[in-house]
C-alpha atoms as a PDB file:
ATOM      1  CA  MET A   1     -25.777 -14.199 -12.469  1.00  0.00           C
ATOM      2  CA  PRO A   2     -26.755 -13.911 -16.172  1.00  0.00           C
ATOM      3  CA  ILE A   3     -30.127 -15.243 -17.161  1.00  0.00           C
ATOM      4  CA  SER A   4     -29.931 -18.816 -18.465  1.00  0.00           C
ATOM      5  CA  LYS A   5     -30.732 -19.955 -21.990  1.00  0.00           C
ATOM      6  CA  ASN A   6     -33.416 -22.237 -20.567  1.00  0.00           C
ATOM      7  CA  GLN A   7     -35.123 -19.283 -18.898  1.00  0.00           C
ATOM      8  CA  ILE A   8     -35.049 -17.302 -22.124  1.00  0.00           C
ATOM      9  CA  LYS A   9     -36.368 -20.292 -24.046  1.00  0.00           C
ATOM     10  CA  LEU A  10     -39.221 -20.811 -21.571  1.00  0.00           C
ATOM     11  CA  VAL A  11     -40.351 -17.188 -21.543  1.00  0.00           C
ATOM     12  CA  THR A  12     -40.170 -16.740 -25.319  1.00  0.00           C
ATOM     13  CA  SER A  13     -41.981 -20.051 -25.907  1.00  0.00           C
ATOM     14  CA  LEU A  14     -44.980 -18.635 -24.027  1.00  0.00           C
ATOM     15  CA  GLN A  15     -45.728 -16.430 -27.032  1.00  0.00           C
ATOM     16  CA  GLN A  16     -47.352 -19.562 -28.476  1.00  0.00           C
ATOM     17  CA  LYS A  17     -50.614 -20.903 -27.082  1.00  0.00           C
ATOM     18  CA  LYS A  18     -49.511 -24.548 -27.134  1.00  0.00           C
ATOM     19  CA  TYR A  19     -46.645 -23.775 -24.767  1.00  0.00           C
ATOM     20  CA  ARG A  20     -48.812 -21.583 -22.531  1.00  0.00           C
ATOM     21  CA  THR A  21     -51.190 -24.520 -22.260  1.00  0.00           C
ATOM     22  CA  LYS A  22     -48.376 -27.014 -21.678  1.00  0.00           C
ATOM     23  CA  GLU A  23     -46.612 -24.942 -19.014  1.00  0.00           C
ATOM     24  CA  GLY A  24     -49.694 -23.309 -17.519  1.00  0.00           C
ATOM     25  CA  LEU A  25     -47.949 -19.938 -17.698  1.00  0.00           C
ATOM     26  CA  PHE A  26     -48.301 -16.587 -19.464  1.00  0.00           C
ATOM     27  CA  VAL A  27     -46.237 -13.411 -19.797  1.00  0.00           C
ATOM     28  CA  VAL A  28     -46.989  -9.918 -18.502  1.00  0.00           C
ATOM     29  CA  GLU A  29     -44.811  -6.924 -19.387  1.00  0.00           C
ATOM     30  CA  GLY A  30     -44.458  -3.343 -18.185  1.00  0.00           C
ATOM     31  CA  ILE A  31     -44.435  -1.813 -14.722  1.00  0.00           C
ATOM     32  CA  LYS A  32     -48.109  -0.776 -14.584  1.00  0.00           C
ATOM     33  CA  VAL A  33     -49.516  -4.021 -15.940  1.00  0.00           C
ATOM     34  CA  VAL A  34     -47.227  -6.221 -13.837  1.00  0.00           C
ATOM     35  CA  ASP A  35     -48.224  -4.250 -10.730  1.00  0.00           C
ATOM     36  CA  GLU A  36     -51.906  -4.882 -11.504  1.00  0.00           C
ATOM     37  CA  PHE A  37     -51.284  -8.632 -11.627  1.00  0.00           C
ATOM     38  CA  LEU A  38     -49.102  -8.612  -8.499  1.00  0.00           C
ATOM     39  CA  ASN A  39     -51.957  -6.924  -6.633  1.00  0.00           C
ATOM     40  CA  SER A  40     -54.481  -9.512  -7.819  1.00  0.00           C
ATOM     41  CA  ASP A  41     -55.164 -13.195  -7.137  1.00  0.00           C
ATOM     42  CA  PHE A  42     -52.888 -14.299  -9.998  1.00  0.00           C
ATOM     43  CA  GLN A  43     -49.869 -16.273  -8.811  1.00  0.00           C
ATOM     44  CA  LEU A  44     -46.407 -15.091  -9.822  1.00  0.00           C
ATOM     45  CA  ALA A  45     -43.962 -17.668 -11.197  1.00  0.00           C
ATOM     46  CA  TYR A  46     -40.972 -15.523 -12.250  1.00  0.00           C
ATOM     47  CA  LEU A  47     -40.128 -11.841 -12.381  1.00  0.00           C
ATOM     48  CA  PHE A  48     -37.235 -10.291 -14.302  1.00  0.00           C
ATOM     49  CA  CYS A  49     -36.431  -6.594 -14.043  1.00  0.00           C
ATOM     50  CA  THR A  50     -33.631  -4.118 -14.605  1.00  0.00           C
ATOM     51  CA  GLU A  51     -31.503  -2.811 -11.747  1.00  0.00           C
ATOM     52  CA  ASP A  52     -33.167   0.621 -11.600  1.00  0.00           C
ATOM     53  CA  VAL A  53     -36.601  -0.780 -10.650  1.00  0.00           C
ATOM     54  CA  LYS A  54     -35.663  -3.758  -8.471  1.00  0.00           C
ATOM     55  CA  SER A  55     -36.702  -1.880  -5.307  1.00  0.00           C
ATOM     56  CA  ASN A  56     -40.277  -1.930  -6.651  1.00  0.00           C
ATOM     57  CA  TYR A  57     -40.318  -5.706  -6.235  1.00  0.00           C
ATOM     58  CA  ALA A  58     -38.644  -6.166  -2.880  1.00  0.00           C
ATOM     59  CA  LYS A  59     -41.527  -8.306  -1.615  1.00  0.00           C
ATOM     60  CA  VAL A  60     -41.325 -10.910  -4.411  1.00  0.00           C
ATOM     61  CA  LEU A  61     -38.611 -13.182  -5.738  1.00  0.00           C
ATOM     62  CA  THR A  62     -36.913 -11.134  -8.435  1.00  0.00           C
ATOM     63  CA  GLU A  63     -34.118 -11.752 -10.908  1.00  0.00           C
ATOM     64  CA  VAL A  64     -32.234  -8.639 -11.985  1.00  0.00           C
ATOM     65  CA  VAL A  65     -31.285  -8.644 -15.671  1.00  0.00           C
ATOM     66  CA  SER A  66     -29.551  -6.305 -18.081  1.00  0.00           C
ATOM     67  CA  VAL A  67     -31.421  -4.282 -20.692  1.00  0.00           C
ATOM     68  CA  LEU A  68     -30.054  -6.647 -23.351  1.00  0.00           C
ATOM     69  CA  GLU A  69     -31.299  -9.699 -21.452  1.00  0.00           C
ATOM     70  CA  LEU A  70     -34.695  -8.093 -20.962  1.00  0.00           C
ATOM     71  CA  THR A  71     -34.870  -7.503 -24.705  1.00  0.00           C
ATOM     72  CA  LYS A  72     -34.353 -11.220 -25.297  1.00  0.00           C
ATOM     73  CA  LEU A  73     -37.276 -12.011 -22.971  1.00  0.00           C
ATOM     74  CA  SER A  74     -39.645  -9.363 -24.265  1.00  0.00           C
ATOM     75  CA  SER A  75     -42.093  -9.483 -27.139  1.00  0.00           C
ATOM     76  CA  LEU A  76     -42.211  -5.680 -27.270  1.00  0.00           C
ATOM     77  CA  ARG A  77     -40.122  -3.499 -29.547  1.00  0.00           C
ATOM     78  CA  SER A  78     -39.180  -1.352 -26.546  1.00  0.00           C
ATOM     79  CA  PRO A  79     -39.090  -3.508 -23.391  1.00  0.00           C
ATOM     80  CA  ASN A  80     -40.433  -1.731 -20.313  1.00  0.00           C
ATOM     81  CA  LYS A  81     -38.058  -2.611 -17.455  1.00  0.00           C
ATOM     82  CA  VAL A  82     -39.931  -5.694 -16.213  1.00  0.00           C
ATOM     83  CA  VAL A  83     -41.123  -9.022 -17.593  1.00  0.00           C
ATOM     84  CA  ALA A  84     -43.139 -11.309 -15.336  1.00  0.00           C
ATOM     85  CA  VAL A  85     -44.495 -14.814 -15.773  1.00  0.00           C
ATOM     86  CA  PHE A  86     -47.740 -15.744 -14.021  1.00  0.00           C
ATOM     87  CA  LYS A  87     -49.618 -19.011 -13.615  1.00  0.00           C
ATOM     88  CA  ILE A  88     -52.746 -19.483 -15.697  1.00  0.00           C
ATOM     89  CA  PRO A  89     -55.572 -20.043 -13.204  1.00  0.00           C
ATOM     90  CA  GLN A  90     -58.041 -22.859 -13.551  1.00  0.00           C
ATOM     91  CA  GLN A  91     -61.051 -21.649 -15.507  1.00  0.00           C
ATOM     92  CA  LEU A  92     -64.095 -21.256 -13.307  1.00  0.00           C
ATOM     93  CA  PRO A  93     -67.585 -21.812 -14.723  1.00  0.00           C
ATOM     94  CA  SER A  94     -69.784 -18.924 -15.773  1.00  0.00           C
ATOM     95  CA  ARG A  95     -71.269 -16.956 -12.914  1.00  0.00           C
ATOM     96  CA  GLN A  96     -75.003 -17.196 -13.469  1.00  0.00           C
ATOM     97  CA  GLY A  97     -76.957 -14.081 -12.646  1.00  0.00           C
ATOM     98  CA  ASP A  98     -79.053 -11.254 -14.022  1.00  0.00           C
ATOM     99  CA  ASP A  99     -76.226  -8.832 -14.710  1.00  0.00           C
ATOM    100  CA  LEU A 100     -74.934  -7.472 -18.010  1.00  0.00           C
ATOM    101  CA  LYS A 101     -72.529  -9.741 -19.934  1.00  0.00           C
ATOM    102  CA  VAL A 102     -70.692  -9.607 -23.247  1.00  0.00           C
ATOM    103  CA  ALA A 103     -70.307 -12.676 -25.486  1.00  0.00           C
ATOM    104  CA  LEU A 104     -67.723 -12.853 -28.277  1.00  0.00           C
ATOM    105  CA  ASP A 105     -68.295 -15.016 -31.341  1.00  0.00           C
ATOM    106  CA  GLY A 106     -64.965 -15.865 -32.975  1.00  0.00           C
ATOM    107  CA  ILE A 107     -62.937 -12.707 -32.265  1.00  0.00           C
ATOM    108  CA  ASN A 108     -59.496 -13.194 -33.847  1.00  0.00           C
ATOM    109  CA  ASP A 109     -57.520 -10.034 -33.204  1.00  0.00           C
ATOM    110  CA  PRO A 110     -55.629  -9.896 -29.864  1.00  0.00           C
ATOM    111  CA  GLY A 111     -55.861  -6.105 -29.742  1.00  0.00           C
ATOM    112  CA  ASN A 112     -59.630  -6.236 -30.128  1.00  0.00           C
ATOM    113  CA  LEU A 113     -60.026  -8.805 -27.368  1.00  0.00           C
ATOM    114  CA  GLY A 114     -57.737  -6.883 -25.036  1.00  0.00           C
ATOM    115  CA  THR A 115     -59.628  -3.661 -25.653  1.00  0.00           C
ATOM    116  CA  ILE A 116     -62.985  -5.365 -25.106  1.00  0.00           C
ATOM    117  CA  ILE A 117     -61.777  -6.801 -21.780  1.00  0.00           C
ATOM    118  CA  ARG A 118     -60.724  -3.283 -20.787  1.00  0.00           C
ATOM    119  CA  LEU A 119     -64.131  -1.938 -21.866  1.00  0.00           C
ATOM    120  CA  CYS A 120     -65.892  -4.570 -19.773  1.00  0.00           C
ATOM    121  CA  ASP A 121     -63.863  -3.421 -16.786  1.00  0.00           C
ATOM    122  CA  TRP A 122     -64.709   0.237 -17.465  1.00  0.00           C
ATOM    123  CA  PHE A 123     -68.441  -0.398 -17.835  1.00  0.00           C
ATOM    124  CA  GLY A 124     -68.668  -2.757 -14.869  1.00  0.00           C
ATOM    125  CA  VAL A 125     -69.202  -5.958 -16.847  1.00  0.00           C
ATOM    126  CA  LYS A 126     -67.813  -8.683 -14.619  1.00  0.00           C
ATOM    127  CA  GLU A 127     -67.964 -11.581 -17.075  1.00  0.00           C
ATOM    128  CA  LEU A 128     -66.957 -12.030 -20.713  1.00  0.00           C
ATOM    129  CA  ILE A 129     -68.148 -15.199 -22.473  1.00  0.00           C
ATOM    130  CA  CYS A 130     -65.977 -16.285 -25.414  1.00  0.00           C
ATOM    131  CA  SER A 131     -66.544 -18.898 -28.087  1.00  0.00           C
ATOM    132  CA  SER A 132     -63.898 -21.623 -28.147  1.00  0.00           C
ATOM    133  CA  ASP A 133     -62.367 -20.172 -31.322  1.00  0.00           C
ATOM    134  CA  THR A 134     -61.898 -16.675 -29.882  1.00  0.00           C
ATOM    135  CA  VAL A 135     -58.250 -15.662 -29.438  1.00  0.00           C
ATOM    136  CA  ASP A 136     -56.646 -16.728 -26.134  1.00  0.00           C
ATOM    137  CA  CYS A 137     -56.966 -14.073 -23.418  1.00  0.00           C
ATOM    138  CA  PHE A 138     -53.472 -14.995 -22.164  1.00  0.00           C
ATOM    139  CA  ASN A 139     -51.898 -14.120 -25.506  1.00  0.00           C
ATOM    140  CA  SER A 140     -49.280 -11.491 -24.610  1.00  0.00           C
ATOM    141  CA  LYS A 141     -50.789  -8.911 -26.986  1.00  0.00           C
ATOM    142  CA  VAL A 142     -54.185  -9.388 -25.338  1.00  0.00           C
ATOM    143  CA  VAL A 143     -52.682  -9.088 -21.860  1.00  0.00           C
ATOM    144  CA  GLN A 144     -50.907  -5.843 -22.781  1.00  0.00           C
ATOM    145  CA  ALA A 145     -54.023  -4.364 -24.384  1.00  0.00           C
ATOM    146  CA  THR A 146     -56.098  -5.009 -21.245  1.00  0.00           C
ATOM    147  CA  MET A 147     -53.750  -2.799 -19.180  1.00  0.00           C
ATOM    148  CA  GLY A 148     -54.494  -4.931 -16.122  1.00  0.00           C
ATOM    149  CA  SER A 149     -58.254  -5.286 -16.626  1.00  0.00           C
ATOM    150  CA  LEU A 150     -57.814  -9.032 -17.110  1.00  0.00           C
ATOM    151  CA  THR A 151     -57.358  -9.231 -13.338  1.00  0.00           C
ATOM    152  CA  ARG A 152     -60.919  -7.937 -12.804  1.00  0.00           C
ATOM    153  CA  VAL A 153     -62.952  -9.435 -15.660  1.00  0.00           C
ATOM    154  CA  HIS A 154     -63.880 -13.133 -15.527  1.00  0.00           C
ATOM    155  CA  VAL A 155     -63.236 -14.598 -19.001  1.00  0.00           C
ATOM    156  CA  VAL A 156     -64.933 -17.893 -19.855  1.00  0.00           C
ATOM    157  CA  TYR A 157     -64.279 -19.994 -22.976  1.00  0.00           C
ATOM    158  CA  THR A 158     -67.131 -22.303 -23.879  1.00  0.00           C
ATOM    159  CA  ASP A 159     -69.405 -23.693 -26.574  1.00  0.00           C
ATOM    160  CA  LEU A 160     -71.101 -20.357 -27.140  1.00  0.00           C
ATOM    161  CA  VAL A 161     -74.188 -21.659 -28.959  1.00  0.00           C
ATOM    162  CA  ALA A 162     -74.906 -24.181 -26.196  1.00  0.00           C
ATOM    163  CA  TYR A 163     -74.368 -21.495 -23.553  1.00  0.00           C
ATOM    164  CA  LEU A 164     -76.763 -19.082 -25.249  1.00  0.00           C
ATOM    165  CA  LYS A 165     -79.410 -21.767 -25.722  1.00  0.00           C
ATOM    166  CA  GLN A 166     -79.565 -22.537 -22.010  1.00  0.00           C
ATOM    167  CA  THR A 167     -79.376 -19.028 -20.581  1.00  0.00           C
ATOM    168  CA  GLN A 168     -82.481 -17.301 -19.230  1.00  0.00           C
ATOM    169  CA  GLN A 169     -81.061 -13.841 -19.935  1.00  0.00           C
ATOM    170  CA  PRO A 170     -82.265 -11.772 -22.920  1.00  0.00           C
ATOM    171  CA  LEU A 171     -79.903 -11.875 -25.916  1.00  0.00           C
ATOM    172  CA  PHE A 172     -78.855  -8.864 -27.979  1.00  0.00           C
ATOM    173  CA  VAL A 173     -76.992  -9.380 -31.259  1.00  0.00           C
ATOM    174  CA  ALA A 174     -75.042  -6.566 -32.896  1.00  0.00           C
ATOM    175  CA  ASP A 175     -76.295  -6.623 -36.496  1.00  0.00           C
ATOM    176  CA  MET A 176     -76.187  -4.117 -39.367  1.00  0.00           C
ATOM    177  CA  LYS A 177     -79.923  -4.696 -39.968  1.00  0.00           C
ATOM    178  CA  GLY A 178     -81.004  -4.440 -36.350  1.00  0.00           C
ATOM    179  CA  GLU A 179     -83.025  -1.926 -34.360  1.00  0.00           C
ATOM    180  CA  ASN A 180     -81.460   1.523 -33.908  1.00  0.00           C
ATOM    181  CA  ILE A 181     -79.721   1.252 -30.540  1.00  0.00           C
ATOM    182  CA  HIS A 182     -80.198   4.965 -29.829  1.00  0.00           C
ATOM    183  CA  GLN A 183     -83.981   4.553 -30.021  1.00  0.00           C
ATOM    184  CA  ALA A 184     -84.252   1.127 -28.390  1.00  0.00           C
ATOM    185  CA  GLN A 185     -85.449   0.475 -24.859  1.00  0.00           C
ATOM    186  CA  LEU A 186     -82.638  -1.472 -23.197  1.00  0.00           C
ATOM    187  CA  PRO A 187     -82.616  -3.405 -19.903  1.00  0.00           C
ATOM    188  CA  SER A 188     -79.943  -3.335 -17.227  1.00  0.00           C
ATOM    189  CA  ASN A 189     -79.179  -7.011 -17.782  1.00  0.00           C
ATOM    190  CA  GLY A 190     -78.708  -9.322 -20.734  1.00  0.00           C
ATOM    191  CA  ILE A 191     -76.026 -10.762 -22.971  1.00  0.00           C
ATOM    192  CA  ILE A 192     -74.582  -8.600 -25.753  1.00  0.00           C
ATOM    193  CA  ILE A 193     -73.200 -10.749 -28.586  1.00  0.00           C
ATOM    194  CA  MET A 194     -70.444  -9.315 -30.792  1.00  0.00           C
ATOM    195  CA  GLY A 195     -69.308 -11.114 -33.933  1.00  0.00           C
ATOM    196  CA  ASN A 196     -66.122 -11.923 -35.814  1.00  0.00           C
ATOM    197  CA  GLU A 197     -64.180  -9.022 -37.351  1.00  0.00           C
ATOM    198  CA  ALA A 198     -64.623 -10.245 -40.938  1.00  0.00           C
ATOM    199  CA  ASN A 199     -67.797 -12.333 -40.918  1.00  0.00           C
ATOM    200  CA  GLY A 200     -69.881 -10.978 -38.061  1.00  0.00           C
ATOM    201  CA  ILE A 201     -72.195 -13.273 -36.115  1.00  0.00           C
ATOM    202  CA  SER A 202     -71.949 -16.949 -37.070  1.00  0.00           C
ATOM    203  CA  LEU A 203     -74.867 -18.709 -38.755  1.00  0.00           C
ATOM    204  CA  SER A 204     -75.457 -20.976 -35.744  1.00  0.00           C
ATOM    205  CA  ILE A 205     -76.054 -17.960 -33.516  1.00  0.00           C
ATOM    206  CA  ARG A 206     -78.130 -16.198 -36.189  1.00  0.00           C
ATOM    207  CA  ARG A 207     -80.451 -19.211 -36.104  1.00  0.00           C
ATOM    208  CA  LEU A 208     -81.186 -18.762 -32.409  1.00  0.00           C
ATOM    209  CA  GLY A 209     -84.769 -17.653 -31.997  1.00  0.00           C
ATOM    210  CA  ASN A 210     -84.593 -15.885 -28.647  1.00  0.00           C
ATOM    211  CA  LYS A 211     -82.526 -12.857 -29.657  1.00  0.00           C
ATOM    212  CA  ARG A 212     -82.988  -9.179 -30.449  1.00  0.00           C
ATOM    213  CA  LYS A 213     -80.966  -7.453 -33.175  1.00  0.00           C
ATOM    214  CA  ILE A 214     -79.542  -3.991 -32.474  1.00  0.00           C
ATOM    215  CA  THR A 215     -77.441  -1.743 -34.658  1.00  0.00           C
ATOM    216  CA  ILE A 216     -75.413   1.463 -34.402  1.00  0.00           C
ATOM    217  CA  PRO A 217     -76.788   3.838 -37.069  1.00  0.00           C
ATOM    218  CA  GLN A 218     -74.425   5.288 -39.629  1.00  0.00           C
ATOM    219  CA  PHE A 219     -74.468   9.084 -40.074  1.00  0.00           C
ATOM    220  CA  GLY A 220     -71.838   9.550 -42.779  1.00  0.00           C
ATOM    221  CA  LEU A 221     -73.251  11.010 -45.995  1.00  0.00           C
ATOM    222  CA  GLU A 222     -71.336   8.667 -48.288  1.00  0.00           C
ATOM    223  CA  GLN A 223     -72.495   5.518 -46.466  1.00  0.00           C
ATOM    224  CA  THR A 224     -69.503   3.601 -47.840  1.00  0.00           C
ATOM    225  CA  THR A 225     -67.871   2.471 -44.592  1.00  0.00           C
ATOM    226  CA  GLU A 226     -68.335  -1.293 -44.369  1.00  0.00           C
ATOM    227  CA  SER A 227     -68.628  -1.570 -40.577  1.00  0.00           C
ATOM    228  CA  LEU A 228     -67.194  -0.371 -37.277  1.00  0.00           C
ATOM    229  CA  ASN A 229     -64.254  -2.073 -35.615  1.00  0.00           C
ATOM    230  CA  VAL A 230     -65.686  -4.632 -33.186  1.00  0.00           C
ATOM    231  CA  ALA A 231     -64.028  -3.074 -30.139  1.00  0.00           C
ATOM    232  CA  THR A 232     -65.300   0.388 -31.096  1.00  0.00           C
ATOM    233  CA  ALA A 233     -68.791  -1.027 -31.621  1.00  0.00           C
ATOM    234  CA  THR A 234     -68.641  -2.772 -28.232  1.00  0.00           C
ATOM    235  CA  ALA A 235     -67.807   0.536 -26.542  1.00  0.00           C
ATOM    236  CA  ILE A 236     -70.812   2.272 -28.105  1.00  0.00           C
ATOM    237  CA  VAL A 237     -73.186  -0.596 -27.322  1.00  0.00           C
ATOM    238  CA  LEU A 238     -72.042  -0.867 -23.702  1.00  0.00           C
ATOM    239  CA  ASN A 239     -72.397   2.869 -23.247  1.00  0.00           C
ATOM    240  CA  GLU A 240     -76.006   2.741 -24.496  1.00  0.00           C
ATOM    241  CA  PHE A 241     -76.873  -0.176 -22.191  1.00  0.00           C
ATOM    242  CA  ARG A 242     -75.381   1.555 -19.167  1.00  0.00           C
ATOM    243  CA  ARG A 243     -76.982   4.891 -20.058  1.00  0.00           C
ATOM    244  CA  LYS A 244     -80.474   3.447 -20.473  1.00  0.00           C
ATOM    245  CA  GLY A 245     -80.452   0.332 -18.306  1.00  0.00           C
END
């Protein structure tokens, strides 16, 4: 049976946050990423795939579609054989503890957020704290960029300033005028705060007194590069914390 117009309308509407919120659903695409979510605690709502891979999903309710139909469902230029819709889980509160965390202050780019979630997974950071104005982690571009790491990293959206004021963990702010991270003594726990792509750390967080500024030194002779991409900077900072902590 051909896929219905209502099904197409539902899946494509989930590209917008207001409909993800309304329906409590989000889209996952591609065999590898879908498999990661199927093997996690996320609950499947719908799964559409092409005939040649239907045997992969024998244990779940599957709707076989044509390549053309899959194209109508997909947000990718080259759809990858399967599109799945999962339920957005209820957000759990932050897990308090003395482990290493990353906090994001107004990250706007879905690719950056997805990459940072993947980096947290790689470096064993179990929790990512996001300001309320950070891009939605269930945005399809974020989900794709995580390559399944969203199933293993606990993402919390909150009033970031209030969260940082009440925490007992040491705070580390990535700042161009901070202490050289390669020379700094770093602990095994704390909260690493990364700022907005264009504006960096917000003024309200800059005003917090209980923080330590760290920076990645620039080695280029011209010294004209404005700053590192936030995801690239996060990778370097996490590596230094794990290497020294």
